[in-house]
PDB file of N, CA and C in Angstrom:
ATOM      1  N   MET A   1      94.631  83.157 122.020  1.00  0.00           N
ATOM      2  CA  MET A   1      93.467  83.588 121.376  1.00  0.00           C
ATOM      3  C   MET A   1      92.847  82.185 121.148  1.00  0.00           C
ATOM      4  N   VAL A   2      93.836  80.902 120.889  1.00  0.00           N
ATOM      5  CA  VAL A   2      93.410  79.752 120.853  1.00  0.00           C
ATOM      6  C   VAL A   2      93.086  79.125 122.214  1.00  0.00           C
ATOM      7  N   LEU A   3      93.367  79.642 123.087  1.00  0.00           N
ATOM      8  CA  LEU A   3      93.065  79.296 124.387  1.00  0.00           C
ATOM      9  C   LEU A   3      91.691  79.676 124.865  1.00  0.00           C
ATOM     10  N   ARG A   4      91.354  80.830 124.482  1.00  0.00           N
ATOM     11  CA  ARG A   4      90.029  81.459 124.867  1.00  0.00           C
ATOM     12  C   ARG A   4      89.081  80.881 123.806  1.00  0.00           C
ATOM     13  N   ALA A   5      89.549  80.553 122.839  1.00  0.00           N
ATOM     14  CA  ALA A   5      88.502  79.762 121.759  1.00  0.00           C
ATOM     15  C   ALA A   5      88.009  78.402 122.152  1.00  0.00           C
ATOM     16  N   ALA A   6      89.132  77.582 122.932  1.00  0.00           N
ATOM     17  CA  ALA A   6      88.826  76.428 123.209  1.00  0.00           C
ATOM     18  C   ALA A   6      88.240  76.418 124.483  1.00  0.00           C
ATOM     19  N   VAL A   7      88.394  77.197 125.329  1.00  0.00           N
ATOM     20  CA  VAL A   7      87.513  77.577 126.679  1.00  0.00           C
ATOM     21  C   VAL A   7      86.260  77.770 126.314  1.00  0.00           C
ATOM     22  N   VAL A   8      85.782  78.289 125.051  1.00  0.00           N
ATOM     23  CA  VAL A   8      84.619  78.877 124.828  1.00  0.00           C
ATOM     24  C   VAL A   8      83.920  77.697 124.139  1.00  0.00           C
ATOM     25  N   THR A   9      84.679  77.260 123.455  1.00  0.00           N
ATOM     26  CA  THR A   9      84.033  75.727 122.587  1.00  0.00           C
ATOM     27  C   THR A   9      83.633  74.716 124.002  1.00  0.00           C
ATOM     28  N   VAL A  10      84.778  74.607 124.848  1.00  0.00           N
ATOM     29  CA  VAL A  10      84.149  73.835 125.818  1.00  0.00           C
ATOM     30  C   VAL A  10      82.837  74.509 127.042  1.00  0.00           C
ATOM     31  N   ALA A  11      82.977  75.595 127.205  1.00  0.00           N
ATOM     32  CA  ALA A  11      81.700  76.186 127.792  1.00  0.00           C
ATOM     33  C   ALA A  11      80.310  75.920 127.310  1.00  0.00           C
ATOM     34  N   GLN A  12      80.585  76.274 125.610  1.00  0.00           N
ATOM     35  CA  GLN A  12      79.034  76.356 124.747  1.00  0.00           C
ATOM     36  C   GLN A  12      78.766  74.254 124.868  1.00  0.00           C
ATOM     37  N   ARG A  13      79.813  73.951 124.738  1.00  0.00           N
ATOM     38  CA  ARG A  13      79.447  72.504 124.407  1.00  0.00           C
ATOM     39  C   ARG A  13      79.465  71.542 125.796  1.00  0.00           C
ATOM     40  N   THR A  14      79.367  72.020 127.274  1.00  0.00           N
ATOM     41  CA  THR A  14      79.607  71.253 127.971  1.00  0.00           C
ATOM     42  C   THR A  14      78.366  70.291 128.068  1.00  0.00           C
ATOM     43  N   ARG A  15      77.169  70.552 128.010  1.00  0.00           N
ATOM     44  CA  ARG A  15      75.980  69.523 127.905  1.00  0.00           C
ATOM     45  C   ARG A  15      76.366  68.593 127.375  1.00  0.00           C
ATOM     46  N   GLU A  16      76.820  68.529 125.724  1.00  0.00           N
ATOM     47  CA  GLU A  16      77.223  67.865 124.900  1.00  0.00           C
ATOM     48  C   GLU A  16      78.091  66.922 125.500  1.00  0.00           C
ATOM     49  N   ILE A  17      79.127  67.383 126.164  1.00  0.00           N
ATOM     50  CA  ILE A  17      80.159  66.560 126.375  1.00  0.00           C
ATOM     51  C   ILE A  17      79.529  65.612 127.644  1.00  0.00           C
ATOM     52  N   GLY A  18      78.844  66.201 128.483  1.00  0.00           N
ATOM     53  CA  GLY A  18      78.492  65.540 129.487  1.00  0.00           C
ATOM     54  C   GLY A  18      77.642  64.542 128.672  1.00  0.00           C
ATOM     55  N   VAL A  19      76.924  64.366 128.013  1.00  0.00           N
ATOM     56  CA  VAL A  19      75.990  63.362 127.492  1.00  0.00           C
ATOM     57  C   VAL A  19      76.851  62.358 126.736  1.00  0.00           C
ATOM     58  N   ARG A  20      77.921  63.144 126.051  1.00  0.00           N
ATOM     59  CA  ARG A  20      79.025  61.799 125.209  1.00  0.00           C
ATOM     60  C   ARG A  20      79.432  60.988 126.580  1.00  0.00           C
ATOM     61  N   ILE A  21      79.943  61.503 127.531  1.00  0.00           N
ATOM     62  CA  ILE A  21      80.557  60.924 128.373  1.00  0.00           C
ATOM     63  C   ILE A  21      79.633  60.073 129.207  1.00  0.00           C
ATOM     64  N   ALA A  22      78.322  60.357 129.751  1.00  0.00           N
ATOM     65  CA  ALA A  22      77.395  59.797 130.278  1.00  0.00           C
ATOM     66  C   ALA A  22      76.990  58.077 129.364  1.00  0.00           C
ATOM     67  N   LEU A  23      76.963  58.415 128.041  1.00  0.00           N
ATOM     68  CA  LEU A  23      76.976  57.118 127.131  1.00  0.00           C
ATOM     69  C   LEU A  23      78.068  56.048 126.942  1.00  0.00           C
ATOM     70  N   GLY A  24      79.275  56.721 127.468  1.00  0.00           N
ATOM     71  CA  GLY A  24      80.690  56.094 127.317  1.00  0.00           C
ATOM     72  C   GLY A  24      81.386  56.243 126.523  1.00  0.00           C
ATOM     73  N   ALA A  25      81.398  57.616 126.162  1.00  0.00           N
ATOM     74  CA  ALA A  25      82.497  58.218 125.385  1.00  0.00           C
ATOM     75  C   ALA A  25      83.705  58.190 126.110  1.00  0.00           C
ATOM     76  N   PRO A  26      84.720  57.369 125.706  1.00  0.00           N
ATOM     77  CA  PRO A  26      86.291  57.484 126.406  1.00  0.00           C
ATOM     78  C   PRO A  26      86.849  58.828 126.083  1.00  0.00           C
ATOM     79  N   GLN A  27      87.625  59.109 127.268  1.00  0.00           N
ATOM     80  CA  GLN A  27      88.200  60.609 127.375  1.00  0.00           C
ATOM     81  C   GLN A  27      88.964  60.941 126.171  1.00  0.00           C
ATOM     82  N   SER A  28      89.524  60.064 125.560  1.00  0.00           N
ATOM     83  CA  SER A  28      90.466  60.343 124.287  1.00  0.00           C
ATOM     84  C   SER A  28      89.717  60.910 122.913  1.00  0.00           C
ATOM     85  N   ASN A  29      88.072  60.323 122.930  1.00  0.00           N
ATOM     86  CA  ASN A  29      87.509  60.734 122.118  1.00  0.00           C
ATOM     87  C   ASN A  29      87.022  62.041 122.282  1.00  0.00           C
ATOM     88  N   ILE A  30      86.689  62.568 123.707  1.00  0.00           N
ATOM     89  CA  ILE A  30      86.617  63.855 124.082  1.00  0.00           C
ATOM     90  C   ILE A  30      87.627  64.880 123.702  1.00  0.00           C
ATOM     91  N   GLU A  31      88.778  64.504 124.195  1.00  0.00           N
ATOM     92  CA  GLU A  31      89.997  65.336 123.780  1.00  0.00           C
ATOM     93  C   GLU A  31      90.090  65.717 122.500  1.00  0.00           C
ATOM     94  N   ARG A  32      89.921  64.522 121.515  1.00  0.00           N
ATOM     95  CA  ARG A  32      90.062  64.639 120.043  1.00  0.00           C
ATOM     96  C   ARG A  32      89.053  65.600 119.587  1.00  0.00           C
ATOM     97  N   LEU A  33      87.790  65.592 120.286  1.00  0.00           N
ATOM     98  CA  LEU A  33      86.702  66.435 119.811  1.00  0.00           C
ATOM     99  C   LEU A  33      87.219  67.699 119.827  1.00  0.00           C
ATOM    100  N   ILE A  34      87.669  68.335 121.204  1.00  0.00           N
ATOM    101  CA  ILE A  34      88.154  69.579 121.323  1.00  0.00           C
ATOM    102  C   ILE A  34      89.411  69.868 120.469  1.00  0.00           C
ATOM    103  N   LEU A  35      90.414  69.004 120.482  1.00  0.00           N
ATOM    104  CA  LEU A  35      91.609  69.369 119.927  1.00  0.00           C
ATOM    105  C   LEU A  35      91.212  69.363 118.406  1.00  0.00           C
ATOM    106  N   GLY A  36      90.434  68.721 117.863  1.00  0.00           N
ATOM    107  CA  GLY A  36      90.545  68.657 116.451  1.00  0.00           C
ATOM    108  C   GLY A  36      89.780  69.883 115.917  1.00  0.00           C
ATOM    109  N   ARG A  37      88.963  70.815 116.447  1.00  0.00           N
ATOM    110  CA  ARG A  37      88.422  71.924 116.086  1.00  0.00           C
ATOM    111  C   ARG A  37      89.222  73.170 116.551  1.00  0.00           C
ATOM    112  N   ALA A  38      90.029  72.782 117.628  1.00  0.00           N
ATOM    113  CA  ALA A  38      91.084  74.088 117.935  1.00  0.00           C
ATOM    114  C   ALA A  38      92.269  73.934 116.983  1.00  0.00           C
ATOM    115  N   LEU A  39      92.823  72.758 116.560  1.00  0.00           N
ATOM    116  CA  LEU A  39      94.094  72.697 115.823  1.00  0.00           C
ATOM    117  C   LEU A  39      93.314  72.896 114.059  1.00  0.00           C
ATOM    118  N   LEU A  40      92.271  72.623 114.014  1.00  0.00           N
ATOM    119  CA  LEU A  40      91.705  73.269 112.592  1.00  0.00           C
ATOM    120  C   LEU A  40      91.660  74.972 112.399  1.00  0.00           C
ATOM    121  N   LEU A  41      91.479  75.351 113.577  1.00  0.00           N
ATOM    122  CA  LEU A  41      91.550  76.822 113.563  1.00  0.00           C
ATOM    123  C   LEU A  41      92.930  77.240 113.531  1.00  0.00           C
ATOM    124  N   VAL A  42      93.617  76.567 114.072  1.00  0.00           N
ATOM    125  CA  VAL A  42      95.272  77.095 114.422  1.00  0.00           C
ATOM    126  C   VAL A  42      96.260  76.746 112.963  1.00  0.00           C
ATOM    127  N   SER A  43      95.419  75.782 112.123  1.00  0.00           N
ATOM    128  CA  SER A  43      96.244  75.411 110.783  1.00  0.00           C
ATOM    129  C   SER A  43      95.924  76.382 109.926  1.00  0.00           C
ATOM    130  N   ALA A  44      94.481  76.782 110.012  1.00  0.00           N
ATOM    131  CA  ALA A  44      93.984  77.816 109.158  1.00  0.00           C
ATOM    132  C   ALA A  44      94.884  79.324 109.337  1.00  0.00           C
ATOM    133  N   GLY A  45      94.810  79.532 110.477  1.00  0.00           N
ATOM    134  CA  GLY A  45      95.648  80.698 110.708  1.00  0.00           C
ATOM    135  C   GLY A  45      97.134  80.682 110.531  1.00  0.00           C
ATOM    136  N   LEU A  46      97.632  79.709 110.682  1.00  0.00           N
ATOM    137  CA  LEU A  46      99.068  79.405 110.549  1.00  0.00           C
ATOM    138  C   LEU A  46      99.355  79.571 108.602  1.00  0.00           C
ATOM    139  N   VAL A  47      98.352  79.043 108.029  1.00  0.00           N
ATOM    140  CA  VAL A  47      98.418  78.972 106.489  1.00  0.00           C
ATOM    141  C   VAL A  47      98.403  80.285 106.110  1.00  0.00           C
ATOM    142  N   ILE A  48      97.296  81.008 106.540  1.00  0.00           N
ATOM    143  CA  ILE A  48      97.216  82.266 106.379  1.00  0.00           C
ATOM    144  C   ILE A  48      98.029  83.391 106.589  1.00  0.00           C
ATOM    145  N   GLY A  49      98.572  83.260 107.998  1.00  0.00           N
ATOM    146  CA  GLY A  49      99.675  84.177 108.618  1.00  0.00           C
ATOM    147  C   GLY A  49     100.862  83.819 107.703  1.00  0.00           C
ATOM    148  N   GLY A  50     101.232  82.658 107.532  1.00  0.00           N
ATOM    149  CA  GLY A  50     102.276  82.347 106.711  1.00  0.00           C
ATOM    150  C   GLY A  50     102.642  82.829 105.098  1.00  0.00           C
ATOM    151  N   VAL A  51     101.515  82.775 104.513  1.00  0.00           N
ATOM    152  CA  VAL A  51     101.114  83.421 102.846  1.00  0.00           C
ATOM    153  C   VAL A  51     101.321  84.748 103.278  1.00  0.00           C
ATOM    154  N   LEU A  52     101.024  85.504 104.182  1.00  0.00           N
ATOM    155  CA  LEU A  52     100.738  86.855 104.117  1.00  0.00           C
ATOM    156  C   LEU A  52     102.011  87.311 104.743  1.00  0.00           C
ATOM    157  N   ALA A  53     102.798  86.870 105.403  1.00  0.00           N
ATOM    158  CA  ALA A  53     104.280  87.024 105.952  1.00  0.00           C
ATOM    159  C   ALA A  53     105.185  86.765 104.795  1.00  0.00           C
ATOM    160  N   TRP A  54     105.002  85.830 104.111  1.00  0.00           N
ATOM    161  CA  TRP A  54     106.144  85.680 102.923  1.00  0.00           C
ATOM    162  C   TRP A  54     105.782  86.699 101.842  1.00  0.00           C
ATOM    163  N   PHE A  55     104.603  87.306 101.619  1.00  0.00           N
ATOM    164  CA  PHE A  55     104.491  88.036 100.692  1.00  0.00           C
ATOM    165  C   PHE A  55     104.714  89.653 101.523  1.00  0.00           C
ATOM    166  N   THR A  56     104.670  89.985 102.463  1.00  0.00           N
ATOM    167  CA  THR A  56     104.654  91.091 102.776  1.00  0.00           C
ATOM    168  C   THR A  56     106.280  91.041 103.280  1.00  0.00           C
ATOM    169  N   VAL A  57     107.040  90.222 103.588  1.00  0.00           N
ATOM    170  CA  VAL A  57     108.385  90.411 104.389  1.00  0.00           C
ATOM    171  C   VAL A  57     109.287  91.378 103.356  1.00  0.00           C
ATOM    172  N   ARG A  58     108.979  91.489 101.881  1.00  0.00           N
ATOM    173  CA  ARG A  58     110.210  92.434 101.538  1.00  0.00           C
ATOM    174  C   ARG A  58     109.724  94.044 102.005  1.00  0.00           C
ATOM    175  N   PHE A  59     108.470  93.939 102.171  1.00  0.00           N
ATOM    176  CA  PHE A  59     107.999  95.642 102.638  1.00  0.00           C
ATOM    177  C   PHE A  59     108.928  95.982 104.162  1.00  0.00           C
ATOM    178  N   THR A  60     109.198  94.610 104.914  1.00  0.00           N
ATOM    179  CA  THR A  60     109.885  94.867 106.098  1.00  0.00           C
ATOM    180  C   THR A  60     110.902  94.548 106.410  1.00  0.00           C
ATOM    181  N   THR A  61     111.730  94.342 105.208  1.00  0.00           N
ATOM    182  CA  THR A  61     113.110  93.948 105.054  1.00  0.00           C
ATOM    183  C   THR A  61     114.119  95.024 105.370  1.00  0.00           C
ATOM    184  N   SER A  62     113.831  96.238 105.204  1.00  0.00           N
ATOM    185  CA  SER A  62     114.898  97.204 105.884  1.00  0.00           C
ATOM    186  C   SER A  62     114.726  97.387 107.348  1.00  0.00           C
ATOM    187  N   TYR A  63     113.800  96.727 108.044  1.00  0.00           N
ATOM    188  CA  TYR A  63     113.691  96.936 109.484  1.00  0.00           C
ATOM    189  C   TYR A  63     114.199  95.768 110.115  1.00  0.00           C
ATOM    190  N   ILE A  64     114.530  94.863 109.630  1.00  0.00           N
ATOM    191  CA  ILE A  64     115.290  93.461 110.108  1.00  0.00           C
ATOM    192  C   ILE A  64     116.668  93.211 109.651  1.00  0.00           C
ATOM    193  N   TYR A  65     117.263  93.452 110.803  1.00  0.00           N
ATOM    194  CA  TYR A  65     118.877  93.064 110.556  1.00  0.00           C
ATOM    195  C   TYR A  65     119.325  91.771 110.598  1.00  0.00           C
ATOM    196  N   GLY A  66     120.212  91.344 109.636  1.00  0.00           N
ATOM    197  CA  GLY A  66     120.664  90.075 109.645  1.00  0.00           C
ATOM    198  C   GLY A  66     119.724  88.991 109.217  1.00  0.00           C
ATOM    199  N   VAL A  67     118.591  88.973 108.832  1.00  0.00           N
ATOM    200  CA  VAL A  67     117.826  88.129 108.220  1.00  0.00           C
ATOM    201  C   VAL A  67     117.313  88.364 106.799  1.00  0.00           C
ATOM    202  N   ALA A  68     117.618  87.173 105.990  1.00  0.00           N
ATOM    203  CA  ALA A  68     117.371  87.367 104.800  1.00  0.00           C
ATOM    204  C   ALA A  68     115.959  87.395 104.409  1.00  0.00           C
ATOM    205  N   ASN A  69     115.876  88.094 103.062  1.00  0.00           N
ATOM    206  CA  ASN A  69     114.340  88.246 102.717  1.00  0.00           C
ATOM    207  C   ASN A  69     113.276  87.067 102.929  1.00  0.00           C
ATOM    208  N   HIS A  70     113.950  86.002 102.684  1.00  0.00           N
ATOM    209  CA  HIS A  70     112.784  84.946 102.754  1.00  0.00           C
ATOM    210  C   HIS A  70     113.422  83.701 103.462  1.00  0.00           C
ATOM    211  N   ASP A  71     113.914  83.725 104.766  1.00  0.00           N
ATOM    212  CA  ASP A  71     115.013  83.006 105.482  1.00  0.00           C
ATOM    213  C   ASP A  71     113.541  81.637 105.819  1.00  0.00           C
ATOM    214  N   ALA A  72     113.906  80.668 105.293  1.00  0.00           N
ATOM    215  CA  ALA A  72     113.038  79.448 105.433  1.00  0.00           C
ATOM    216  C   ALA A  72     113.199  79.095 106.963  1.00  0.00           C
ATOM    217  N   LEU A  73     114.508  79.344 107.567  1.00  0.00           N
ATOM    218  CA  LEU A  73     114.728  78.309 109.040  1.00  0.00           C
ATOM    219  C   LEU A  73     113.978  79.125 110.115  1.00  0.00           C
ATOM    220  N   THR A  74     113.931  80.754 109.931  1.00  0.00           N
ATOM    221  CA  THR A  74     113.172  81.727 110.615  1.00  0.00           C
ATOM    222  C   THR A  74     111.507  81.522 110.377  1.00  0.00           C
ATOM    223  N   PHE A  75     111.194  81.393 109.037  1.00  0.00           N
ATOM    224  CA  PHE A  75     109.542  81.155 109.057  1.00  0.00           C
ATOM    225  C   PHE A  75     109.369  79.613 109.704  1.00  0.00           C
ATOM    226  N   SER A  76     110.155  78.694 109.592  1.00  0.00           N
ATOM    227  CA  SER A  76     110.002  77.356 110.110  1.00  0.00           C
ATOM    228  C   SER A  76     109.931  77.437 111.684  1.00  0.00           C
ATOM    229  N   ALA A  77     110.943  78.196 112.079  1.00  0.00           N
ATOM    230  CA  ALA A  77     110.821  78.238 113.538  1.00  0.00           C
ATOM    231  C   ALA A  77     109.511  78.749 114.247  1.00  0.00           C
ATOM    232  N   VAL A  78     109.023  79.940 113.620  1.00  0.00           N
ATOM    233  CA  VAL A  78     108.206  80.646 114.027  1.00  0.00           C
ATOM    234  C   VAL A  78     106.757  79.870 113.766  1.00  0.00           C
ATOM    235  N   VAL A  79     106.545  79.172 112.659  1.00  0.00           N
ATOM    236  CA  VAL A  79     105.344  78.227 112.495  1.00  0.00           C
ATOM    237  C   VAL A  79     105.768  77.260 113.630  1.00  0.00           C
ATOM    238  N   LEU A  80     106.687  76.694 113.871  1.00  0.00           N
ATOM    239  CA  LEU A  80     106.742  75.577 115.061  1.00  0.00           C
ATOM    240  C   LEU A  80     106.345  76.156 116.515  1.00  0.00           C
ATOM    241  N   VAL A  81     107.014  76.910 116.703  1.00  0.00           N
ATOM    242  CA  VAL A  81     106.623  77.866 118.043  1.00  0.00           C
ATOM    243  C   VAL A  81     105.098  77.844 118.228  1.00  0.00           C
ATOM    244  N   LEU A  82     104.848  78.611 117.193  1.00  0.00           N
ATOM    245  CA  LEU A  82     103.091  78.892 117.537  1.00  0.00           C
ATOM    246  C   LEU A  82     102.170  77.760 117.406  1.00  0.00           C
ATOM    247  N   ALA A  83     102.553  76.878 116.688  1.00  0.00           N
ATOM    248  CA  ALA A  83     101.890  75.685 116.773  1.00  0.00           C
ATOM    249  C   ALA A  83     102.011  74.847 117.912  1.00  0.00           C
ATOM    250  N   ALA A  84     103.195  74.684 118.466  1.00  0.00           N
ATOM    251  CA  ALA A  84     103.556  74.074 119.894  1.00  0.00           C
ATOM    252  C   ALA A  84     102.780  74.926 120.927  1.00  0.00           C
ATOM    253  N   ALA A  85     102.796  76.060 120.910  1.00  0.00           N
ATOM    254  CA  ALA A  85     102.025  76.911 121.844  1.00  0.00           C
ATOM    255  C   ALA A  85     100.398  76.844 121.762  1.00  0.00           C
ATOM    256  N   SER A  86     100.067  76.705 120.579  1.00  0.00           N
ATOM    257  CA  SER A  86      98.811  76.466 120.421  1.00  0.00           C
ATOM    258  C   SER A  86      98.239  75.174 120.723  1.00  0.00           C
ATOM    259  N   PHE A  87      99.185  74.150 120.309  1.00  0.00           N
ATOM    260  CA  PHE A  87      98.482  72.886 120.738  1.00  0.00           C
ATOM    261  C   PHE A  87      98.714  72.765 122.113  1.00  0.00           C
ATOM    262  N   VAL A  88      99.215  73.286 123.090  1.00  0.00           N
ATOM    263  CA  VAL A  88      99.262  73.195 124.419  1.00  0.00           C
ATOM    264  C   VAL A  88      98.162  74.032 125.165  1.00  0.00           C
ATOM    265  N   ALA A  89      97.786  75.027 124.466  1.00  0.00           N
ATOM    266  CA  ALA A  89      96.727  76.186 124.868  1.00  0.00           C
ATOM    267  C   ALA A  89      95.330  75.581 124.642  1.00  0.00           C
ATOM    268  N   ALA A  90      95.321  74.571 123.368  1.00  0.00           N
ATOM    269  CA  ALA A  90      94.177  73.782 123.202  1.00  0.00           C
ATOM    270  C   ALA A  90      93.907  72.359 123.972  1.00  0.00           C
ATOM    271  N   TRP A  91      94.890  71.824 124.344  1.00  0.00           N
ATOM    272  CA  TRP A  91      95.322  70.646 125.176  1.00  0.00           C
ATOM    273  C   TRP A  91      94.379  70.873 126.470  1.00  0.00           C
ATOM    274  N   LEU A  92      94.975  71.993 127.385  1.00  0.00           N
ATOM    275  CA  LEU A  92      94.206  72.240 128.582  1.00  0.00           C
ATOM    276  C   LEU A  92      92.887  72.041 128.715  1.00  0.00           C
ATOM    277  N   PRO A  93      92.167  72.965 127.718  1.00  0.00           N
ATOM    278  CA  PRO A  93      90.668  72.680 127.843  1.00  0.00           C
ATOM    279  C   PRO A  93      90.407  71.443 127.721  1.00  0.00           C
ATOM    280  N   ALA A  94      91.159  70.994 126.610  1.00  0.00           N
ATOM    281  CA  ALA A  94      90.580  69.498 126.044  1.00  0.00           C
ATOM    282  C   ALA A  94      90.435  68.389 127.447  1.00  0.00           C
ATOM    283  N   ARG A  95      91.584  68.449 128.015  1.00  0.00           N
ATOM    284  CA  ARG A  95      91.550  67.645 129.360  1.00  0.00           C
ATOM    285  C   ARG A  95      90.583  68.019 130.296  1.00  0.00           C
ATOM    286  N   ARG A  96      90.158  69.360 130.584  1.00  0.00           N
ATOM    287  CA  ARG A  96      89.586  69.584 131.631  1.00  0.00           C
ATOM    288  C   ARG A  96      87.976  69.213 131.085  1.00  0.00           C
ATOM    289  N   ALA A  97      87.536  69.327 129.697  1.00  0.00           N
ATOM    290  CA  ALA A  97      86.330  68.628 128.889  1.00  0.00           C
ATOM    291  C   ALA A  97      85.971  67.363 129.524  1.00  0.00           C
ATOM    292  N   ALA A  98      87.554  66.637 129.142  1.00  0.00           N
ATOM    293  CA  ALA A  98      87.335  64.976 129.195  1.00  0.00           C
ATOM    294  C   ALA A  98      86.800  64.661 130.735  1.00  0.00           C
ATOM    295  N   SER A  99      87.196  65.558 131.699  1.00  0.00           N
ATOM    296  CA  SER A  99      86.676  65.057 133.196  1.00  0.00           C
ATOM    297  C   SER A  99      85.558  65.705 133.649  1.00  0.00           C
ATOM    298  N   VAL A 100      84.827  66.054 132.374  1.00  0.00           N
ATOM    299  CA  VAL A 100      83.297  66.506 132.692  1.00  0.00           C
ATOM    300  C   VAL A 100      82.372  65.720 133.691  1.00  0.00           C
ATOM    301  N   ASP A 101      81.719  65.940 134.758  1.00  0.00           N
ATOM    302  CA  ASP A 101      81.158  64.988 135.573  1.00  0.00           C
ATOM    303  C   ASP A 101      79.475  64.881 134.955  1.00  0.00           C
ATOM    304  N   PRO A 102      78.893  63.948 133.964  1.00  0.00           N
ATOM    305  CA  PRO A 102      77.713  64.173 133.355  1.00  0.00           C
ATOM    306  C   PRO A 102      76.737  64.459 134.426  1.00  0.00           C
ATOM    307  N   ILE A 103      76.622  64.151 135.468  1.00  0.00           N
ATOM    308  CA  ILE A 103      75.717  64.094 136.669  1.00  0.00           C
ATOM    309  C   ILE A 103      75.369  65.644 136.877  1.00  0.00           C
ATOM    310  N   LEU A 104      76.313  66.574 136.723  1.00  0.00           N
ATOM    311  CA  LEU A 104      76.278  67.705 137.284  1.00  0.00           C
ATOM    312  C   LEU A 104      75.726  68.629 136.000  1.00  0.00           C
ATOM    313  N   HIS A 105      76.066  68.158 134.821  1.00  0.00           N
ATOM    314  CA  HIS A 105      75.609  68.950 133.526  1.00  0.00           C
ATOM    315  C   HIS A 105      74.307  68.055 132.848  1.00  0.00           C
TER     316      HIS A 105
END
């Protein structure tokens, strides 16, 4: 989902990114532009998902064997894995956007 959102953002803003590069914006600024938006969405999703998971875990306790109701290690590991995967999924389109040739767009 994050990869798709980042790719769509890059596709929609290709001209803008080309203009920024033509005006001398460094690659790091372009990458930060794309990563910032993607990570904002990821952060919101992780917070909302974490809160919902925290409150709905008591309904699913009977289906999970060997895990405490509010196991902080499990919650932390899931958040870290999702955040890392989302960062990589957003970083790939950001690198591609930073290498846009402004003459073609």
